[in-house]
Amino acid sequence: MKQNRRRPGLVLAAIGASAALALTGCATGESAPEATTLTVWHYYNTDGQVAALEKLAEGFEAKHPEVKVEFAYVPVDQFTTKAVTAAGAKTGPDVLVFGASGTYSLAEAGAIAPMDDWWSEYADKDQFPEGVMQKVDGKLYGVQGYVNLLGLWYNQDLLDQLGAKVPTTIDEMEATMQKAVDAGKQGVTLTGKPGLESQWQGFPWFTSHGFKYGDAQAKPMAETFAMLQDWVDKGYLSPEAATWDQTIPFQQFAAGSSVFAVNGNWQIAAAKEATFKYGVAPLPISADGGVLLGGEVQNIGAFSKHPDLAKEFLEDSFFSVDGELTLLDTFGSIPARADASASSKISGDPILSVFGDIVQKQGRPSPSPDVPSKNVNDVENLVGNYWSRAVARDGSPDDLANDLIGELTPLLKG
């Protein structure tokens, strides 16, 4: 199972070998040294992401034979709560790989500690742009070793059958989705599960309609919700999307069920399972719209039993050139380091090069600078919940938008 991360067969074999050594030690009067276990919490749930963790661990363990890296999968909607609860008991993992929206809550709970002193002494710190630094009240609480973002995946074979081109506007996209529905296919798959993921999914569309966190108005949200519900009514989008995370919709796209998928660069490995020609394009949004530059944040746990080893692991994996290129190879993440992002692996790849172009033309910082740090998690959950409700047709576009703004306004005031 993906959730039980770290090569179960090898772990059992290691336990058996340790037991044998222990017995030998008893017979000779010597005891075998125990391996140091380094624990890492994450919420990766796609094959490419899981493979990336394995490779990072294998590389580190090769340099440190006395260390075993153990991964624990925690669902994204439970991650912050679990880490905060653990911190309350003065425990937790050695390393956390977490969403940026949880930075404030994790910092306030003491689950992570400021890393300014560590970072100031890190030899390669100048390779990282300011945009990947996650700060609270001016203190550094995490760094993103890579960025992730959304694009428009398309089924080229189906586009050819429909006599359609890759859309550059929402109107063009809708016209093609109608052709797909007429041909017995779905128009688009996307995330609609309540919570953080849906805020990220919705951001390009509601900002395309003119919404800004710095000036939150109901009208652009109502227009966005009306668009979503129109897609559902016309069969472009399944109403079941209201329960989908980022994995399920892409699985459907890769199976050939839809002409488009709004999904990220981390699906590159999964896309290779498709039996049709595919590609990626920028989302057909307006000049007002933007795509959030996500990518998980890394820091050591405040209650790590092996803080120096945990720092070394991060510097050797998520923060190194080799580590970031491993993440690029396994699930298509865009390196944060300037020297790694200049790799020909990006410029020479037809998919990655498009995502790199999206970063430059549509990229927006995540979380939005207009959202108070202490309320990021609440804001993103709230907006994601309303996006999900719109997909599920749980209210009219105007009612949903007005209710959302009513709840959102005090959070944006801080």
Protein backbone atom coordinates (compact mmCIF):
# COMPACT_ATOMS: atom_id res chain seq x y z
CA MET A 1 0.00 0.00 0.00
CA LYS A 2 1.20 3.51 -0.74
CA GLN A 3 0.37 4.69 2.75
CA ASN A 4 2.81 2.27 4.41
CA ARG A 5 5.74 3.86 2.78
CA ARG A 6 9.11 2.29 3.11
CA ARG A 7 9.72 -1.00 1.25
CA PRO A 8 7.90 -3.36 3.67
CA GLY A 9 9.71 -6.45 2.42
CA LEU A 10 13.12 -4.89 2.93
CA VAL A 11 12.16 -3.58 6.35
CA LEU A 12 11.03 -7.06 7.45
CA ALA A 13 14.22 -8.54 6.03
CA ALA A 14 16.26 -5.98 7.94
CA ILE A 15 14.40 -6.83 11.13
CA GLY A 16 15.09 -10.50 10.59
CA ALA A 17 18.75 -9.81 9.92
CA SER A 18 18.97 -7.63 13.03
CA ALA A 19 17.42 -10.38 15.12
CA ALA A 20 19.96 -12.87 13.79
CA LEU A 21 22.82 -10.51 14.56
CA ALA A 22 21.43 -9.91 18.02
CA LEU A 23 21.42 -13.63 18.73
CA THR A 24 24.98 -13.91 17.43
CA GLY A 25 25.95 -11.00 19.62
CA CYS A 26 24.52 -12.73 22.68
CA ALA A 27 26.57 -15.82 21.86
CA THR A 28 29.81 -13.91 21.48
CA GLY A 29 29.22 -11.28 24.12
CA GLU A 30 28.92 -8.51 21.52
CA SER A 31 25.81 -6.52 20.58
CA ALA A 32 25.07 -5.36 17.02
CA PRO A 33 24.64 -1.59 16.66
CA GLU A 34 21.08 -0.43 15.99
CA ALA A 35 20.34 1.57 12.87
CA THR A 36 19.27 5.18 13.37
CA THR A 37 15.76 5.75 12.01
CA LEU A 38 14.97 9.07 10.38
CA THR A 39 11.21 9.65 10.09
CA VAL A 40 9.67 11.78 7.34
CA TRP A 41 5.98 12.76 7.19
CA HIS A 42 4.46 13.58 3.79
CA TYR A 43 1.19 13.41 1.86
CA TYR A 44 2.46 12.23 -1.54
CA ASN A 45 -0.03 9.84 -3.15
CA THR A 46 0.93 9.36 -6.81
CA ASP A 47 3.30 6.69 -8.11
CA GLY A 48 5.86 9.21 -9.34
CA GLN A 49 5.94 11.03 -6.00
CA VAL A 50 6.33 7.79 -4.08
CA ALA A 51 9.15 6.68 -6.38
CA ALA A 52 10.88 10.01 -5.77
CA LEU A 53 10.89 9.50 -2.01
CA GLU A 54 12.35 6.02 -2.43
CA LYS A 55 15.19 7.29 -4.59
CA LEU A 56 15.99 10.15 -2.22
CA ALA A 57 16.11 7.72 0.68
CA GLU A 58 18.24 5.19 -1.18
CA GLY A 59 20.79 7.84 -2.06
CA PHE A 60 21.03 9.08 1.52
CA GLU A 61 21.20 5.58 2.99
CA ALA A 62 24.02 4.69 0.60
CA LYS A 63 26.06 7.50 2.15
CA HIS A 64 24.90 6.62 5.66
CA PRO A 65 24.65 2.81 6.02
CA GLU A 66 23.80 3.25 9.68
CA VAL A 67 20.62 5.21 8.83
CA LYS A 68 17.18 4.03 7.74
CA VAL A 69 14.79 6.63 6.31
CA GLU A 70 11.19 5.78 7.13
CA PHE A 71 8.29 7.58 5.42
CA ALA A 72 4.82 8.01 6.89
CA TYR A 73 1.92 8.99 4.62
CA VAL A 74 -0.55 11.43 6.19
CA PRO A 75 -3.55 12.56 4.06
CA VAL A 76 -3.29 16.21 3.09
CA ASP A 77 -6.49 17.16 4.94
CA GLN A 78 -5.17 15.58 8.15
CA PHE A 79 -1.53 16.58 7.96
CA THR A 80 -1.53 19.86 9.88
CA THR A 81 -3.85 18.56 12.59
CA LYS A 82 -1.75 15.46 13.16
CA ALA A 83 1.50 17.43 13.28
CA VAL A 84 0.03 20.01 15.68
CA THR A 85 -1.32 17.24 17.94
CA ALA A 86 2.06 15.52 17.97
CA ALA A 87 3.79 18.77 18.87
CA GLY A 88 1.41 19.18 21.79
CA ALA A 89 2.80 15.91 23.13
CA LYS A 90 6.35 17.11 22.38
CA THR A 91 6.88 14.54 19.67
CA GLY A 92 6.72 14.30 15.90
CA PRO A 93 8.80 13.37 12.86
CA ASP A 94 12.37 14.31 12.07
CA VAL A 95 11.36 15.89 8.76
CA LEU A 96 8.09 17.36 7.52
CA VAL A 97 7.13 17.74 3.86
CA PHE A 98 4.04 19.92 4.11
CA GLY A 99 1.74 22.32 2.28
CA ALA A 100 2.55 26.02 2.46
CA SER A 101 -0.92 26.82 3.80
CA GLY A 102 -0.07 24.95 6.99
CA THR A 103 3.11 26.89 7.73
CA TYR A 104 1.55 29.35 10.19
CA SER A 105 -0.36 26.67 12.13
CA LEU A 106 2.70 24.42 12.34
CA ALA A 107 4.89 27.32 13.45
CA GLU A 108 2.41 28.56 16.07
CA ALA A 109 2.02 25.05 17.48
CA GLY A 110 5.76 24.61 17.68
CA ALA A 111 5.77 21.63 15.33
CA ILE A 112 8.48 23.35 13.28
CA ALA A 113 11.08 25.85 14.41
CA PRO A 114 12.67 28.84 12.64
CA MET A 115 15.49 27.74 10.35
CA ASP A 116 17.14 31.14 9.86
CA ASP A 117 20.40 30.19 11.59
CA TRP A 118 20.67 26.94 9.67
CA TRP A 119 19.84 28.61 6.34
CA SER A 120 22.25 31.49 6.84
CA GLU A 121 25.08 28.96 7.06
CA TYR A 122 23.90 26.80 4.15
CA ALA A 123 26.50 27.16 1.37
CA ASP A 124 23.97 26.94 -1.47
CA LYS A 125 21.31 29.27 -0.09
CA ASP A 126 21.84 31.82 -2.88
CA GLN A 127 20.61 29.30 -5.45
CA PHE A 128 17.06 29.61 -4.04
CA PRO A 129 14.72 32.47 -4.98
CA GLU A 130 12.89 34.44 -2.33
CA GLY A 131 9.58 33.11 -3.65
CA VAL A 132 10.20 29.64 -2.20
CA MET A 133 10.88 30.92 1.32
CA GLN A 134 7.96 30.40 3.68
CA LYS A 135 8.10 33.01 6.44
CA VAL A 136 5.96 33.89 9.43
CA ASP A 137 6.49 37.28 11.08
CA GLY A 138 9.76 37.61 9.19
CA LYS A 139 11.20 34.29 10.36
CA LEU A 140 11.96 31.43 7.99
CA TYR A 141 9.92 28.31 8.75
CA GLY A 142 10.43 26.30 5.58
CA VAL A 143 11.84 26.21 2.06
CA GLN A 144 10.31 24.74 -1.08
CA GLY A 145 12.85 22.59 -2.87
CA TYR A 146 10.71 22.66 -6.00
CA VAL A 147 7.55 24.21 -7.40
CA ASN A 148 4.42 22.53 -8.75
CA LEU A 149 1.73 24.11 -10.87
CA LEU A 150 -1.33 23.46 -12.97
CA GLY A 151 -1.61 23.23 -16.73
CA LEU A 152 -4.18 22.04 -19.27
CA TRP A 153 -3.47 18.44 -20.23
CA TYR A 154 -5.10 17.48 -23.52
CA ASN A 155 -5.77 14.30 -25.47
CA GLN A 156 -4.24 15.06 -28.88
CA ASP A 157 -5.79 12.01 -30.55
CA LEU A 158 -9.24 13.08 -29.43
CA LEU A 159 -8.65 16.69 -30.49
CA ASP A 160 -7.72 15.42 -33.94
CA GLN A 161 -10.87 13.29 -34.10
CA LEU A 162 -12.99 16.27 -33.12
CA GLY A 163 -11.28 18.60 -35.56
CA ALA A 164 -10.32 20.88 -32.68
CA LYS A 165 -7.21 22.73 -31.57
CA VAL A 166 -5.69 23.39 -28.18
CA PRO A 167 -7.82 26.21 -26.71
CA THR A 168 -6.43 29.61 -25.81
CA THR A 169 -9.67 31.02 -24.34
CA ILE A 170 -12.43 29.64 -22.14
CA ASP A 171 -14.90 30.00 -25.03
CA GLU A 172 -12.68 27.85 -27.25
CA MET A 173 -12.31 25.29 -24.47
CA GLU A 174 -16.07 25.10 -23.97
CA ALA A 175 -16.70 24.68 -27.69
CA THR A 176 -14.29 21.73 -27.76
CA MET A 177 -15.80 20.20 -24.63
CA GLN A 178 -19.21 20.32 -26.30
CA LYS A 179 -17.79 18.40 -29.27
CA ALA A 180 -16.32 15.85 -26.88
CA VAL A 181 -19.66 15.35 -25.11
CA ASP A 182 -21.42 14.98 -28.47
CA ALA A 183 -18.88 12.24 -29.28
CA GLY A 184 -19.64 10.40 -26.04
CA LYS A 185 -16.65 11.67 -24.06
CA GLN A 186 -16.25 13.93 -21.06
CA GLY A 187 -15.03 17.49 -21.46
CA VAL A 188 -12.71 17.93 -18.51
CA THR A 189 -11.60 16.35 -15.26
CA LEU A 190 -10.51 18.42 -12.28
CA THR A 191 -10.38 18.52 -8.50
CA GLY A 192 -13.50 19.36 -6.52
CA LYS A 193 -12.85 17.76 -3.15
CA PRO A 194 -13.57 20.17 -0.28
CA GLY A 195 -10.53 21.87 1.18
CA LEU A 196 -7.10 23.10 0.23
CA GLU A 197 -6.69 21.26 -3.07
CA SER A 198 -9.82 22.85 -4.51
CA GLN A 199 -8.71 26.37 -3.63
CA TRP A 200 -5.55 25.69 -5.61
CA GLN A 201 -7.62 24.24 -8.48
CA GLY A 202 -10.05 27.12 -8.45
CA PHE A 203 -7.54 29.98 -8.22
CA PRO A 204 -6.81 30.27 -11.98
CA TRP A 205 -10.51 30.40 -12.84
CA PHE A 206 -11.80 32.85 -10.25
CA THR A 207 -8.82 35.18 -10.72
CA SER A 208 -9.44 34.92 -14.48
CA HIS A 209 -12.89 36.34 -13.75
CA GLY A 210 -11.28 39.22 -11.83
CA PHE A 211 -11.28 38.02 -8.21
CA LYS A 212 -8.51 39.32 -5.92
CA TYR A 213 -7.87 38.41 -2.31
CA GLY A 214 -6.80 42.00 -1.76
CA ASP A 215 -10.24 43.24 -2.88
CA ALA A 216 -12.63 40.32 -2.42
CA GLN A 217 -15.85 40.84 -4.35
CA ALA A 218 -18.76 38.44 -4.90
CA LYS A 219 -19.34 39.10 -8.61
CA PRO A 220 -16.25 37.31 -10.04
CA MET A 221 -16.85 34.37 -7.72
CA ALA A 222 -20.49 34.15 -8.84
CA GLU A 223 -19.34 34.15 -12.46
CA THR A 224 -16.87 31.37 -11.73
CA PHE A 225 -19.45 29.25 -9.92
CA ALA A 226 -21.91 29.81 -12.77
CA MET A 227 -19.27 28.57 -15.23
CA LEU A 228 -18.69 25.43 -13.16
CA GLN A 229 -22.37 24.64 -12.85
CA ASP A 230 -22.86 25.21 -16.57
CA TRP A 231 -20.09 22.68 -17.23
CA VAL A 232 -21.86 20.17 -15.02
CA ASP A 233 -25.27 20.84 -16.59
CA LYS A 234 -23.91 20.33 -20.10
CA GLY A 235 -22.02 17.15 -19.21
CA TYR A 236 -18.57 18.67 -19.65
CA LEU A 237 -17.73 17.95 -16.01
CA SER A 238 -18.99 15.09 -13.86
CA PRO A 239 -20.82 16.17 -10.67
CA GLU A 240 -18.78 13.43 -8.95
CA ALA A 241 -15.81 15.79 -9.28
CA ALA A 242 -17.08 17.39 -6.06
CA THR A 243 -15.41 14.46 -4.24
CA TRP A 244 -12.29 14.08 -6.39
CA ASP A 245 -8.76 14.81 -5.24
CA GLN A 246 -5.98 15.41 -7.78
CA THR A 247 -5.35 11.72 -8.44
CA ILE A 248 -8.75 10.38 -9.49
CA PRO A 249 -9.46 12.90 -12.27
CA PHE A 250 -6.09 12.32 -13.89
CA GLN A 251 -6.56 8.58 -13.81
CA GLN A 252 -9.77 9.11 -15.75
CA PHE A 253 -8.02 11.39 -18.24
CA ALA A 254 -5.19 8.88 -18.74
CA ALA A 255 -7.82 6.21 -19.39
CA GLY A 256 -9.13 8.32 -22.29
CA SER A 257 -12.41 9.42 -20.73
CA SER A 258 -12.01 13.18 -21.33
CA VAL A 259 -10.45 15.58 -23.78
CA PHE A 260 -8.95 17.83 -21.06
CA ALA A 261 -7.59 17.54 -17.53
CA VAL A 262 -6.73 20.49 -15.30
CA ASN A 263 -3.85 18.99 -13.38
CA GLY A 264 -0.21 19.40 -12.52
CA ASN A 265 3.32 18.58 -13.55
CA TRP A 266 3.47 15.85 -10.90
CA GLN A 267 1.29 13.70 -13.16
CA ILE A 268 4.03 13.25 -15.76
CA ALA A 269 4.78 9.69 -14.65
CA ALA A 270 1.08 8.78 -14.60
CA ALA A 271 0.59 10.27 -18.08
CA LYS A 272 2.99 7.73 -19.52
CA GLU A 273 0.33 5.07 -18.90
CA ALA A 274 -1.93 6.72 -21.48
CA THR A 275 -2.38 4.94 -24.82
CA PHE A 276 -2.95 8.15 -26.77
CA LYS A 277 -0.87 11.17 -27.74
CA TYR A 278 -1.11 13.93 -25.18
CA GLY A 279 0.29 17.33 -24.41
CA VAL A 280 0.13 20.25 -21.98
CA ALA A 281 -0.77 23.88 -22.59
CA PRO A 282 -1.25 26.96 -20.41
CA LEU A 283 -4.74 27.20 -18.94
CA PRO A 284 -6.96 29.29 -21.26
CA ILE A 285 -7.53 32.01 -18.68
CA SER A 286 -7.59 35.79 -19.00
CA ALA A 287 -4.65 38.09 -18.34
CA ASP A 288 -6.06 38.66 -14.84
CA GLY A 289 -5.82 34.98 -14.02
CA GLY A 290 -2.84 33.23 -12.51
CA VAL A 291 -1.60 29.80 -11.52
CA LEU A 292 -0.36 29.27 -7.98
CA LEU A 293 3.22 28.07 -7.70
CA GLY A 294 2.88 25.32 -5.17
CA GLY A 295 5.28 22.63 -4.18
CA GLU A 296 5.65 21.21 -0.74
CA VAL A 297 7.69 22.94 1.95
CA GLN A 298 10.45 21.19 3.86
CA ASN A 299 11.76 21.70 7.38
CA ILE A 300 12.93 19.55 10.24
CA GLY A 301 10.55 18.74 13.07
CA ALA A 302 10.90 20.80 16.22
CA PHE A 303 11.04 17.58 18.25
CA SER A 304 13.36 15.66 15.95
CA LYS A 305 15.57 13.19 17.81
CA HIS A 306 18.22 13.63 15.13
CA PRO A 307 18.11 17.32 14.05
CA ASP A 308 21.60 17.46 12.55
CA LEU A 309 20.98 14.29 10.55
CA ALA A 310 17.58 15.63 9.44
CA LYS A 311 19.21 18.85 8.18
CA GLU A 312 21.80 16.83 6.32
CA PHE A 313 19.07 14.70 4.75
CA LEU A 314 17.25 17.79 3.43
CA GLU A 315 20.45 19.35 2.13
CA ASP A 316 21.34 16.08 0.42
CA SER A 317 17.87 15.48 -1.05
CA PHE A 318 15.23 18.18 -1.51
CA PHE A 319 17.75 21.04 -1.44
CA SER A 320 20.49 19.55 -3.64
CA VAL A 321 20.92 19.67 -7.43
CA ASP A 322 20.89 15.87 -7.68
CA GLY A 323 17.88 15.61 -5.40
CA GLU A 324 15.85 18.21 -7.27
CA LEU A 325 16.68 16.57 -10.60
CA THR A 326 15.57 13.26 -9.12
CA LEU A 327 12.24 14.85 -8.24
CA LEU A 328 12.12 16.24 -11.77
CA ASP A 329 12.76 12.82 -13.30
CA THR A 330 10.28 10.94 -11.14
CA PHE A 331 7.26 13.23 -11.05
CA GLY A 332 8.09 16.32 -13.07
CA SER A 333 8.56 18.88 -10.31
CA ILE A 334 10.24 22.11 -11.36
CA PRO A 335 13.48 22.65 -9.38
CA ALA A 336 13.68 25.69 -7.13
CA ARG A 337 17.47 25.94 -7.38
CA ALA A 338 18.61 28.21 -10.19
CA ASP A 339 21.40 25.85 -11.25
CA ALA A 340 19.07 22.84 -11.31
CA SER A 341 16.23 24.62 -13.12
CA ALA A 342 18.64 25.53 -15.92
CA SER A 343 18.98 21.84 -16.77
CA SER A 344 18.47 20.74 -20.37
CA LYS A 345 16.11 18.14 -18.93
CA ILE A 346 13.54 20.94 -18.74
CA SER A 347 14.23 22.94 -21.89
CA GLY A 348 14.50 19.80 -24.01
CA ASP A 349 11.30 18.18 -22.80
CA PRO A 350 7.99 18.99 -24.59
CA ILE A 351 5.97 18.74 -21.37
CA LEU A 352 8.34 20.24 -18.82
CA SER A 353 9.24 23.14 -21.09
CA VAL A 354 5.56 24.13 -21.23
CA PHE A 355 5.27 24.02 -17.46
CA GLY A 356 8.44 26.12 -17.27
CA ASP A 357 6.79 28.65 -19.59
CA ILE A 358 3.64 28.67 -17.43
CA VAL A 359 5.78 29.53 -14.41
CA GLN A 360 7.02 32.63 -16.19
CA LYS A 361 3.74 33.78 -17.75
CA GLN A 362 1.00 32.71 -15.33
CA GLY A 363 2.83 31.92 -12.08
CA ARG A 364 1.63 33.53 -8.84
CA PRO A 365 3.09 33.14 -5.33
CA SER A 366 1.46 30.60 -3.05
CA PRO A 367 -0.08 31.38 -0.67
CA SER A 368 -1.32 34.74 -1.93
CA PRO A 369 0.54 37.62 -0.24
CA ASP A 370 -2.84 39.33 0.29
CA VAL A 371 -3.93 36.64 2.77
CA PRO A 372 -2.78 37.18 6.39
CA SER A 373 -0.33 34.41 7.35
CA LYS A 374 -2.31 33.31 10.38
CA ASN A 375 -5.45 32.85 8.28
CA VAL A 376 -4.00 31.17 5.17
CA ASN A 377 -5.17 27.71 6.14
CA ASP A 378 -8.68 28.91 7.04
CA VAL A 379 -8.99 31.02 3.88
CA GLU A 380 -7.84 28.29 1.53
CA ASN A 381 -10.04 25.66 3.16
CA LEU A 382 -13.05 27.99 3.03
CA VAL A 383 -12.61 28.88 -0.64
CA GLY A 384 -11.98 25.24 -1.52
CA ASN A 385 -15.15 24.20 0.26
CA TYR A 386 -17.23 26.67 -1.75
CA TRP A 387 -15.60 25.54 -5.00
CA SER A 388 -16.67 22.00 -4.11
CA ARG A 389 -20.19 23.14 -3.28
CA ALA A 390 -20.43 24.87 -6.65
CA VAL A 391 -19.42 21.68 -8.48
CA ALA A 392 -21.99 19.76 -6.46
CA ARG A 393 -24.63 22.41 -7.27
CA ASP A 394 -25.16 22.98 -3.56
CA GLY A 395 -26.65 26.45 -3.99
CA SER A 396 -27.01 29.05 -6.72
CA PRO A 397 -23.89 30.87 -7.96
CA ASP A 398 -25.03 34.18 -6.45
CA ASP A 399 -25.95 32.69 -3.08
CA LEU A 400 -22.71 30.74 -2.87
CA ALA A 401 -20.63 33.77 -3.80
CA ASN A 402 -22.37 36.10 -1.34
CA ASP A 403 -22.09 33.59 1.49
CA LEU A 404 -18.43 32.98 0.71
CA ILE A 405 -17.53 36.68 0.71
CA GLY A 406 -19.42 37.13 3.96
CA GLU A 407 -17.26 34.47 5.65
CA LEU A 408 -14.07 35.44 3.82
CA THR A 409 -13.98 39.17 4.53
CA PRO A 410 -13.14 39.01 8.27
CA LEU A 411 -10.42 36.43 7.58
CA LEU A 412 -8.80 38.70 5.01
CA LYS A 413 -8.81 41.59 7.47
CA GLY A 414 -6.67 39.49 9.78
